[in-house]
């Protein structure tokens, strides 16, 4: 649709971005020559998006979902290939695990102590 100079000026004056205009044209109700995106419609769309996000999150936790169908019949369904579960080799074939070495802070490794110097100041000594 062609954007007139007047329309562009009003968008800028009223702080309405082009994406909101497109959203209103897509979801709004037609009322004569206007499209109206009401708060009620916005709330319904947000609720539907929340439901869709919940469903997508559930499908992601399952590693995706596969549905097998033929013609007009649903045959079977199962979790996707990216389930995140790893198959492990038998214990005899696995490489031995070595516990990680935790680095010691420098002060503990060197056993520093506080000493007084000849002029009475404090200093660290090994």
C-alpha atoms as a PDB file:
ATOM      1  CA  UNK A   1       0.000   0.000   0.000  1.00  0.00           C
ATOM      2  CA  UNK A   2       1.244   3.504  -0.837  1.00  0.00           C
ATOM      3  CA  UNK A   3       2.263   5.683   2.146  1.00  0.00           C
ATOM      4  CA  UNK A   4       1.284   9.333   1.736  1.00  0.00           C
ATOM      5  CA  UNK A   5       3.265  12.288   3.037  1.00  0.00           C
ATOM      6  CA  UNK A   6       0.414  13.086   5.443  1.00  0.00           C
ATOM      7  CA  UNK A   7       0.378   9.520   6.811  1.00  0.00           C
ATOM      8  CA  UNK A   8       4.160   9.502   7.280  1.00  0.00           C
ATOM      9  CA  UNK A   9       4.044  12.870   9.084  1.00  0.00           C
ATOM     10  CA  UNK A  10       1.288  11.677  11.460  1.00  0.00           C
ATOM     11  CA  UNK A  11       3.181   8.456  12.197  1.00  0.00           C
ATOM     12  CA  UNK A  12       6.229  10.488  13.210  1.00  0.00           C
ATOM     13  CA  UNK A  13       4.241  13.042  15.229  1.00  0.00           C
ATOM     14  CA  UNK A  14       2.360  10.349  17.169  1.00  0.00           C
ATOM     15  CA  UNK A  15       5.234   7.934  17.686  1.00  0.00           C
ATOM     16  CA  UNK A  16       3.577   5.083  15.786  1.00  0.00           C
ATOM     17  CA  UNK A  17       6.092   2.836  14.053  1.00  0.00           C
ATOM     18  CA  UNK A  18       5.460   1.147  10.724  1.00  0.00           C
ATOM     19  CA  UNK A  19       5.456  -2.279  12.396  1.00  0.00           C
ATOM     20  CA  UNK A  20       2.455  -1.226  14.522  1.00  0.00           C
ATOM     21  CA  UNK A  21       0.661  -0.028  11.393  1.00  0.00           C
ATOM     22  CA  UNK A  22       1.307  -3.391   9.706  1.00  0.00           C
ATOM     23  CA  UNK A  23       0.121  -5.209  12.848  1.00  0.00           C
ATOM     24  CA  UNK A  24      -3.081  -3.149  12.881  1.00  0.00           C
ATOM     25  CA  UNK A  25      -3.718  -3.886   9.220  1.00  0.00           C
ATOM     26  CA  UNK A  26      -3.150  -7.626   9.834  1.00  0.00           C
ATOM     27  CA  UNK A  27      -5.096  -8.103  13.096  1.00  0.00           C
ATOM     28  CA  UNK A  28      -7.409  -5.109  13.317  1.00  0.00           C
ATOM     29  CA  UNK A  29     -11.143  -5.153  12.655  1.00  0.00           C
ATOM     30  CA  UNK A  30     -12.338  -3.273   9.596  1.00  0.00           C
ATOM     31  CA  UNK A  31     -14.730  -0.418  10.397  1.00  0.00           C
ATOM     32  CA  UNK A  32     -15.605   1.311   7.133  1.00  0.00           C
ATOM     33  CA  UNK A  33     -12.369   2.747   5.771  1.00  0.00           C
ATOM     34  CA  UNK A  34     -10.394   2.177   9.014  1.00  0.00           C
ATOM     35  CA  UNK A  35      -8.701  -0.772  10.651  1.00  0.00           C
ATOM     36  CA  UNK A  36      -9.018  -0.761  14.467  1.00  0.00           C
ATOM     37  CA  UNK A  37      -6.731  -2.798  16.729  1.00  0.00           C
ATOM     38  CA  UNK A  38      -8.528  -2.768  20.084  1.00  0.00           C
ATOM     39  CA  UNK A  39      -7.127  -3.633  23.514  1.00  0.00           C
ATOM     40  CA  UNK A  40      -9.467  -6.651  23.580  1.00  0.00           C
ATOM     41  CA  UNK A  41      -7.996  -7.980  20.321  1.00  0.00           C
ATOM     42  CA  UNK A  42      -4.456  -7.331  21.574  1.00  0.00           C
ATOM     43  CA  UNK A  43      -5.149  -9.258  24.806  1.00  0.00           C
ATOM     44  CA  UNK A  44      -6.608 -12.195  22.855  1.00  0.00           C
ATOM     45  CA  UNK A  45      -3.542 -12.295  20.589  1.00  0.00           C
ATOM     46  CA  UNK A  46      -1.166 -12.119  23.575  1.00  0.00           C
ATOM     47  CA  UNK A  47      -2.998 -15.007  25.259  1.00  0.00           C
ATOM     48  CA  UNK A  48      -2.726 -17.080  22.089  1.00  0.00           C
ATOM     49  CA  UNK A  49       0.994 -16.281  21.805  1.00  0.00           C
ATOM     50  CA  UNK A  50       1.535 -17.373  25.426  1.00  0.00           C
ATOM     51  CA  UNK A  51      -0.213 -20.684  24.699  1.00  0.00           C
ATOM     52  CA  UNK A  52       1.880 -21.156  21.584  1.00  0.00           C
ATOM     53  CA  UNK A  53       5.106 -20.397  23.502  1.00  0.00           C
ATOM     54  CA  UNK A  54       4.161 -22.952  26.164  1.00  0.00           C
ATOM     55  CA  UNK A  55       3.490 -25.593  23.492  1.00  0.00           C
ATOM     56  CA  UNK A  56       6.731 -24.822  21.672  1.00  0.00           C
ATOM     57  CA  UNK A  57       8.679 -25.031  24.944  1.00  0.00           C
ATOM     58  CA  UNK A  58       7.149 -28.426  25.668  1.00  0.00           C
ATOM     59  CA  UNK A  59       8.000 -29.655  22.161  1.00  0.00           C
ATOM     60  CA  UNK A  60      11.570 -28.384  22.573  1.00  0.00           C
ATOM     61  CA  UNK A  61      11.969 -30.273  25.852  1.00  0.00           C
ATOM     62  CA  UNK A  62      11.032 -33.431  23.967  1.00  0.00           C
ATOM     63  CA  UNK A  63      13.719 -32.714  21.373  1.00  0.00           C
ATOM     64  CA  UNK A  64      11.064 -31.973  18.765  1.00  0.00           C
ATOM     65  CA  UNK A  65       8.066 -34.054  17.759  1.00  0.00           C
ATOM     66  CA  UNK A  66       7.592 -36.203  14.661  1.00  0.00           C
ATOM     67  CA  UNK A  67       4.156 -37.024  13.235  1.00  0.00           C
ATOM     68  CA  UNK A  68       3.834 -39.663  10.516  1.00  0.00           C
ATOM     69  CA  UNK A  69       0.780 -39.435   8.284  1.00  0.00           C
ATOM     70  CA  UNK A  70      -0.476 -40.846   5.041  1.00  0.00           C
ATOM     71  CA  UNK A  71      -3.255 -39.332   2.997  1.00  0.00           C
ATOM     72  CA  UNK A  72      -5.750 -38.146   5.635  1.00  0.00           C
ATOM     73  CA  UNK A  73      -4.716 -40.502   8.471  1.00  0.00           C
ATOM     74  CA  UNK A  74      -2.304 -39.850  11.336  1.00  0.00           C
ATOM     75  CA  UNK A  75      -0.209 -43.026  11.694  1.00  0.00           C
ATOM     76  CA  UNK A  76       2.137 -42.466  14.664  1.00  0.00           C
ATOM     77  CA  UNK A  77       4.053 -39.860  16.615  1.00  0.00           C
ATOM     78  CA  UNK A  78       7.300 -39.867  18.564  1.00  0.00           C
ATOM     79  CA  UNK A  79       9.916 -37.583  20.069  1.00  0.00           C
ATOM     80  CA  UNK A  80      12.327 -35.911  17.684  1.00  0.00           C
ATOM     81  CA  UNK A  81      15.901 -36.949  17.123  1.00  0.00           C
ATOM     82  CA  UNK A  82      17.343 -34.084  19.181  1.00  0.00           C
ATOM     83  CA  UNK A  83      16.087 -35.316  22.548  1.00  0.00           C
ATOM     84  CA  UNK A  84      19.334 -34.413  24.261  1.00  0.00           C
ATOM     85  CA  UNK A  85      19.719 -37.922  25.698  1.00  0.00           C
ATOM     86  CA  UNK A  86      23.117 -39.448  25.057  1.00  0.00           C
ATOM     87  CA  UNK A  87      23.685 -43.141  24.733  1.00  0.00           C
ATOM     88  CA  UNK A  88      26.693 -44.257  26.717  1.00  0.00           C
ATOM     89  CA  UNK A  89      29.100 -47.074  25.903  1.00  0.00           C
ATOM     90  CA  UNK A  90      29.367 -50.041  28.267  1.00  0.00           C
ATOM     91  CA  UNK A  91      31.569 -49.433  31.332  1.00  0.00           C
ATOM     92  CA  UNK A  92      34.473 -51.477  29.965  1.00  0.00           C
ATOM     93  CA  UNK A  93      34.667 -49.402  26.776  1.00  0.00           C
ATOM     94  CA  UNK A  94      34.517 -46.001  28.474  1.00  0.00           C
ATOM     95  CA  UNK A  95      37.710 -44.079  29.145  1.00  0.00           C
ATOM     96  CA  UNK A  96      38.453 -43.682  32.847  1.00  0.00           C
ATOM     97  CA  UNK A  97      37.429 -40.332  34.219  1.00  0.00           C
ATOM     98  CA  UNK A  98      39.989 -38.203  35.988  1.00  0.00           C
ATOM     99  CA  UNK A  99      38.707 -35.892  38.714  1.00  0.00           C
ATOM    100  CA  UNK A 100      39.270 -32.229  37.876  1.00  0.00           C
ATOM    101  CA  UNK A 101      42.141 -30.461  39.635  1.00  0.00           C
ATOM    102  CA  UNK A 102      40.995 -27.453  41.609  1.00  0.00           C
ATOM    103  CA  UNK A 103      43.500 -24.595  41.421  1.00  0.00           C
ATOM    104  CA  UNK A 104      44.684 -23.314  44.809  1.00  0.00           C
ATOM    105  CA  UNK A 105      44.725 -19.568  45.459  1.00  0.00           C
ATOM    106  CA  UNK A 106      48.267 -18.179  45.462  1.00  0.00           C
ATOM    107  CA  UNK A 107      48.114 -17.154  49.144  1.00  0.00           C
ATOM    108  CA  UNK A 108      47.288 -20.733  50.231  1.00  0.00           C
ATOM    109  CA  UNK A 109      49.867 -22.355  47.975  1.00  0.00           C
ATOM    110  CA  UNK A 110      52.748 -20.174  49.207  1.00  0.00           C
ATOM    111  CA  UNK A 111      51.738 -20.006  52.901  1.00  0.00           C
ATOM    112  CA  UNK A 112      52.352 -16.273  53.291  1.00  0.00           C
ATOM    113  CA  UNK A 113      52.727 -14.729  56.733  1.00  0.00           C
ATOM    114  CA  UNK A 114      52.584 -11.195  58.013  1.00  0.00           C
ATOM    115  CA  UNK A 115      55.893  -9.801  59.409  1.00  0.00           C
ATOM    116  CA  UNK A 116      57.051  -6.429  60.712  1.00  0.00           C
ATOM    117  CA  UNK A 117      59.959  -4.757  59.010  1.00  0.00           C
ATOM    118  CA  UNK A 118      62.740  -2.815  60.805  1.00  0.00           C
ATOM    119  CA  UNK A 119      60.884   0.474  60.366  1.00  0.00           C
ATOM    120  CA  UNK A 120      57.709  -0.977  61.966  1.00  0.00           C
ATOM    121  CA  UNK A 121      55.680  -1.438  58.744  1.00  0.00           C
ATOM    122  CA  UNK A 122      53.861  -4.667  57.950  1.00  0.00           C
ATOM    123  CA  UNK A 123      54.860  -6.863  55.024  1.00  0.00           C
ATOM    124  CA  UNK A 124      54.134 -10.347  53.638  1.00  0.00           C
ATOM    125  CA  UNK A 125      56.878 -12.976  53.692  1.00  0.00           C
ATOM    126  CA  UNK A 126      57.015 -16.544  52.405  1.00  0.00           C
END
